[in-house]
Amino acid sequence: MAITAMWTHGNAVVPETPELLDQNTRFGFGTQVRLRRGTNQWFHAPMPLTGTP
């Protein structure tokens, strides 16, 4: 059985609709987000690939 681990940096996260956020702060270690009350949000996080097996 193959096991895969993928890592991406926490500050690479991007909100789908940034205007629905009350806060979107990037730090060296990640991203802190605060949603407006009563809203939903999608976030995109890139998944790195390392060539073909």
C-alpha atoms as a PDB file:
ATOM      1  CA  MET A   1       0.000   0.000   0.000  1.00  0.00           C
ATOM      2  CA  ALA A   2       1.369   3.397  -0.998  1.00  0.00           C
ATOM      3  CA  ILE A   3       1.280   6.216   1.525  1.00  0.00           C
ATOM      4  CA  THR A   4       1.484   9.824   0.391  1.00  0.00           C
ATOM      5  CA  ALA A   5       2.177  12.941   2.434  1.00  0.00           C
ATOM      6  CA  MET A   6       1.822  16.435   0.985  1.00  0.00           C
ATOM      7  CA  TRP A   7       2.691  19.706   2.691  1.00  0.00           C
ATOM      8  CA  THR A   8       1.957  23.285   1.778  1.00  0.00           C
ATOM      9  CA  HIS A   9       2.826  26.464   3.631  1.00  0.00           C
ATOM     10  CA  GLY A  10       0.048  27.920   5.769  1.00  0.00           C
ATOM     11  CA  ASN A  11       0.294  31.391   4.271  1.00  0.00           C
ATOM     12  CA  ALA A  12      -0.443  30.025   0.780  1.00  0.00           C
ATOM     13  CA  VAL A  13      -4.157  29.657   1.632  1.00  0.00           C
ATOM     14  CA  VAL A  14      -6.388  31.918  -0.498  1.00  0.00           C
ATOM     15  CA  PRO A  15     -10.069  32.700   0.228  1.00  0.00           C
ATOM     16  CA  GLU A  16     -12.576  32.223  -2.608  1.00  0.00           C
ATOM     17  CA  THR A  17     -14.469  35.424  -1.729  1.00  0.00           C
ATOM     18  CA  PRO A  18     -12.227  37.782   0.271  1.00  0.00           C
ATOM     19  CA  GLU A  19     -14.915  40.448   0.583  1.00  0.00           C
ATOM     20  CA  LEU A  20     -16.819  38.135   2.968  1.00  0.00           C
ATOM     21  CA  LEU A  21     -13.962  38.208   5.486  1.00  0.00           C
ATOM     22  CA  ASP A  22     -13.624  40.462   8.508  1.00  0.00           C
ATOM     23  CA  GLN A  23      -9.940  39.580   8.791  1.00  0.00           C
ATOM     24  CA  ASN A  24      -7.331  37.937   6.576  1.00  0.00           C
ATOM     25  CA  THR A  25      -3.848  38.245   8.084  1.00  0.00           C
ATOM     26  CA  ARG A  26      -0.779  36.413   6.819  1.00  0.00           C
ATOM     27  CA  PHE A  27       2.077  35.624   9.141  1.00  0.00           C
ATOM     28  CA  GLY A  28       5.399  33.918   8.485  1.00  0.00           C
ATOM     29  CA  PHE A  29       3.925  30.633   9.740  1.00  0.00           C
ATOM     30  CA  GLY A  30       0.382  30.738   8.359  1.00  0.00           C
ATOM     31  CA  THR A  31      -2.842  32.659   7.810  1.00  0.00           C
ATOM     32  CA  GLN A  32      -5.417  33.848  10.325  1.00  0.00           C
ATOM     33  CA  VAL A  33      -8.938  34.387   9.009  1.00  0.00           C
ATOM     34  CA  ARG A  34     -12.111  35.707  10.616  1.00  0.00           C
ATOM     35  CA  LEU A  35     -15.389  35.212   8.721  1.00  0.00           C
ATOM     36  CA  ARG A  36     -18.276  37.630   8.858  1.00  0.00           C
ATOM     37  CA  ARG A  37     -21.115  36.250  10.956  1.00  0.00           C
ATOM     38  CA  GLY A  38     -23.607  34.210   8.945  1.00  0.00           C
ATOM     39  CA  THR A  39     -21.320  33.649   5.942  1.00  0.00           C
ATOM     40  CA  ASN A  40     -19.621  30.586   4.490  1.00  0.00           C
ATOM     41  CA  GLN A  41     -16.314  30.487   2.676  1.00  0.00           C
ATOM     42  CA  TRP A  42     -14.200  28.228   0.486  1.00  0.00           C
ATOM     43  CA  PHE A  43     -10.427  28.302   0.843  1.00  0.00           C
ATOM     44  CA  HIS A  44      -7.884  27.190  -1.741  1.00  0.00           C
ATOM     45  CA  ALA A  45      -4.633  25.595  -0.656  1.00  0.00           C
ATOM     46  CA  PRO A  46      -2.126  24.528  -3.329  1.00  0.00           C
ATOM     47  CA  MET A  47      -1.005  20.905  -3.189  1.00  0.00           C
ATOM     48  CA  PRO A  48       2.548  20.439  -4.453  1.00  0.00           C
ATOM     49  CA  LEU A  49       3.353  17.602  -6.821  1.00  0.00           C
ATOM     50  CA  THR A  50       6.702  15.880  -7.148  1.00  0.00           C
ATOM     51  CA  GLY A  51       6.945  14.435 -10.640  1.00  0.00           C
ATOM     52  CA  THR A  52       5.425  11.154 -11.772  1.00  0.00           C
ATOM     53  CA  PRO A  53       6.177   7.901  -9.986  1.00  0.00           C
END
